Amino acid sequence: MGNDDHRDRIEQARQELNRLALEFGMQDIRVLRQSVKLDALLNEYTDCLTDKDDVPY
């Protein structure tokens, strides 16, 4: 998956998190679940960036 795809998925997850938080409040389980999804996407994106940096020249 390309960086643009990662960024798009992250942005969609972020927007959904904000929507859920506004609709249900920060303590709602749906907000927590979406936050975990967003964290996973961010970690995946960071791992992809780090893997590229680890390539020896």
N, C-alpha and C. Protein backbone atom coordinates (compact mmCIF):
# COMPACT_ATOMS: atom_id res chain seq x y z
N MET A 1 0.85 -1.17 0.00
CA MET A 1 0.00 0.00 0.00
C MET A 1 0.90 1.24 0.00
N GLY A 2 0.55 2.21 -0.82
CA GLY A 2 1.35 3.41 -0.92
C GLY A 2 1.09 4.38 0.22
N ASN A 3 2.00 5.34 0.35
CA ASN A 3 1.86 6.33 1.42
C ASN A 3 0.57 7.13 1.30
N ASP A 4 0.17 7.44 0.06
CA ASP A 4 -1.07 8.20 -0.13
C ASP A 4 -2.26 7.40 0.37
N ASP A 5 -2.28 6.10 0.10
CA ASP A 5 -3.37 5.25 0.58
C ASP A 5 -3.41 5.23 2.11
N HIS A 6 -2.22 5.10 2.72
CA HIS A 6 -2.16 5.12 4.18
C HIS A 6 -2.72 6.43 4.72
N ARG A 7 -2.27 7.52 4.14
CA ARG A 7 -2.72 8.83 4.63
C ARG A 7 -4.22 9.00 4.46
N ASP A 8 -4.77 8.52 3.35
CA ASP A 8 -6.22 8.61 3.13
C ASP A 8 -6.98 7.80 4.18
N ARG A 9 -6.52 6.59 4.45
CA ARG A 9 -7.18 5.74 5.45
C ARG A 9 -7.07 6.36 6.84
N ILE A 10 -5.93 6.95 7.14
CA ILE A 10 -5.74 7.62 8.43
C ILE A 10 -6.69 8.80 8.56
N GLU A 11 -6.79 9.59 7.51
CA GLU A 11 -7.67 10.76 7.55
C GLU A 11 -9.13 10.34 7.70
N GLN A 12 -9.56 9.30 7.01
CA GLN A 12 -10.93 8.82 7.15
C GLN A 12 -11.19 8.33 8.57
N ALA A 13 -10.24 7.60 9.12
CA ALA A 13 -10.38 7.10 10.49
C ALA A 13 -10.42 8.24 11.50
N ARG A 14 -9.63 9.26 11.25
CA ARG A 14 -9.59 10.43 12.15
C ARG A 14 -10.93 11.17 12.12
N GLN A 15 -11.46 11.36 10.92
CA GLN A 15 -12.75 12.03 10.79
C GLN A 15 -13.86 11.24 11.46
N GLU A 16 -13.83 9.92 11.29
CA GLU A 16 -14.83 9.08 11.93
C GLU A 16 -14.70 9.15 13.45
N LEU A 17 -13.49 9.17 13.96
CA LEU A 17 -13.27 9.30 15.40
C LEU A 17 -13.86 10.61 15.91
N ASN A 18 -13.61 11.69 15.22
CA ASN A 18 -14.16 12.99 15.62
C ASN A 18 -15.68 12.98 15.59
N ARG A 19 -16.25 12.38 14.55
CA ARG A 19 -17.71 12.33 14.43
C ARG A 19 -18.31 11.54 15.59
N LEU A 20 -17.73 10.38 15.87
CA LEU A 20 -18.23 9.55 16.97
C LEU A 20 -18.11 10.27 18.31
N ALA A 21 -16.99 10.93 18.52
CA ALA A 21 -16.78 11.63 19.79
C ALA A 21 -17.80 12.75 19.98
N LEU A 22 -18.09 13.46 18.91
CA LEU A 22 -19.09 14.54 19.00
C LEU A 22 -20.49 13.98 19.24
N GLU A 23 -20.79 12.86 18.59
CA GLU A 23 -22.13 12.29 18.68
C GLU A 23 -22.38 11.56 20.00
N PHE A 24 -21.37 10.80 20.47
CA PHE A 24 -21.58 9.92 21.61
C PHE A 24 -20.80 10.30 22.86
N GLY A 25 -19.82 11.19 22.74
CA GLY A 25 -19.00 11.57 23.88
C GLY A 25 -17.74 10.73 23.96
N MET A 26 -16.76 11.28 24.64
CA MET A 26 -15.44 10.66 24.69
C MET A 26 -15.41 9.33 25.45
N GLN A 27 -16.37 9.08 26.30
CA GLN A 27 -16.35 7.87 27.12
C GLN A 27 -17.03 6.67 26.45
N ASP A 28 -17.60 6.86 25.27
CA ASP A 28 -18.34 5.80 24.60
C ASP A 28 -17.40 4.74 24.03
N ILE A 29 -17.82 3.48 24.09
CA ILE A 29 -16.99 2.36 23.62
C ILE A 29 -16.71 2.47 22.12
N ARG A 30 -17.65 3.03 21.36
CA ARG A 30 -17.44 3.19 19.92
C ARG A 30 -16.29 4.14 19.63
N VAL A 31 -16.15 5.15 20.46
CA VAL A 31 -15.05 6.10 20.32
C VAL A 31 -13.73 5.40 20.63
N LEU A 32 -13.71 4.62 21.70
CA LEU A 32 -12.51 3.87 22.05
C LEU A 32 -12.10 2.92 20.93
N ARG A 33 -13.06 2.19 20.40
CA ARG A 33 -12.76 1.24 19.31
C ARG A 33 -12.19 1.96 18.09
N GLN A 34 -12.77 3.09 17.75
CA GLN A 34 -12.28 3.84 16.59
C GLN A 34 -10.90 4.40 16.87
N SER A 35 -10.64 4.80 18.10
CA SER A 35 -9.32 5.29 18.47
C SER A 35 -8.27 4.19 18.32
N VAL A 36 -8.63 2.98 18.70
CA VAL A 36 -7.71 1.84 18.54
C VAL A 36 -7.44 1.58 17.06
N LYS A 37 -8.47 1.68 16.23
CA LYS A 37 -8.28 1.50 14.78
C LYS A 37 -7.34 2.56 14.21
N LEU A 38 -7.56 3.81 14.64
CA LEU A 38 -6.70 4.89 14.17
C LEU A 38 -5.26 4.67 14.64
N ASP A 39 -5.07 4.27 15.87
CA ASP A 39 -3.72 3.97 16.38
C ASP A 39 -3.04 2.90 15.54
N ALA A 40 -3.78 1.86 15.18
CA ALA A 40 -3.21 0.77 14.38
C ALA A 40 -2.79 1.28 13.00
N LEU A 41 -3.61 2.12 12.39
CA LEU A 41 -3.26 2.68 11.09
C LEU A 41 -2.02 3.57 11.19
N LEU A 42 -1.95 4.36 12.24
CA LEU A 42 -0.78 5.23 12.43
C LEU A 42 0.48 4.40 12.65
N ASN A 43 0.38 3.34 13.43
CA ASN A 43 1.53 2.47 13.66
C ASN A 43 1.97 1.78 12.37
N GLU A 44 1.01 1.32 11.58
CA GLU A 44 1.31 0.68 10.30
C GLU A 44 2.03 1.66 9.38
N TYR A 45 1.54 2.88 9.32
CA TYR A 45 2.14 3.92 8.49
C TYR A 45 3.57 4.22 8.95
N THR A 46 3.75 4.35 10.25
CA THR A 46 5.08 4.61 10.80
C THR A 46 6.03 3.47 10.50
N ASP A 47 5.55 2.23 10.62
CA ASP A 47 6.38 1.07 10.31
C ASP A 47 6.83 1.08 8.85
N CYS A 48 5.93 1.45 7.95
CA CYS A 48 6.28 1.51 6.53
C CYS A 48 7.35 2.56 6.28
N LEU A 49 7.23 3.70 6.93
CA LEU A 49 8.23 4.74 6.78
C LEU A 49 9.57 4.31 7.36
N THR A 50 9.54 3.65 8.50
CA THR A 50 10.76 3.19 9.16
C THR A 50 11.44 2.10 8.34
N ASP A 51 10.65 1.20 7.75
CA ASP A 51 11.23 0.13 6.93
C ASP A 51 12.00 0.70 5.76
N LYS A 52 11.51 1.77 5.16
CA LYS A 52 12.21 2.38 4.03
C LYS A 52 13.53 2.99 4.48
N ASP A 53 13.55 3.50 5.71
CA ASP A 53 14.77 4.12 6.24
C ASP A 53 15.83 3.07 6.58
N ASP A 54 15.42 1.81 6.77
CA ASP A 54 16.35 0.77 7.17
C ASP A 54 17.10 0.12 6.00
N VAL A 55 16.80 0.53 4.78
CA VAL A 55 17.43 -0.07 3.61
C VAL A 55 18.87 0.42 3.53
N PRO A 56 19.84 -0.52 3.53
CA PRO A 56 21.25 -0.11 3.45
C PRO A 56 21.59 0.37 2.03
N TYR A 57 22.51 1.30 1.94
CA TYR A 57 22.93 1.83 0.65
C TYR A 57 24.30 1.34 0.30
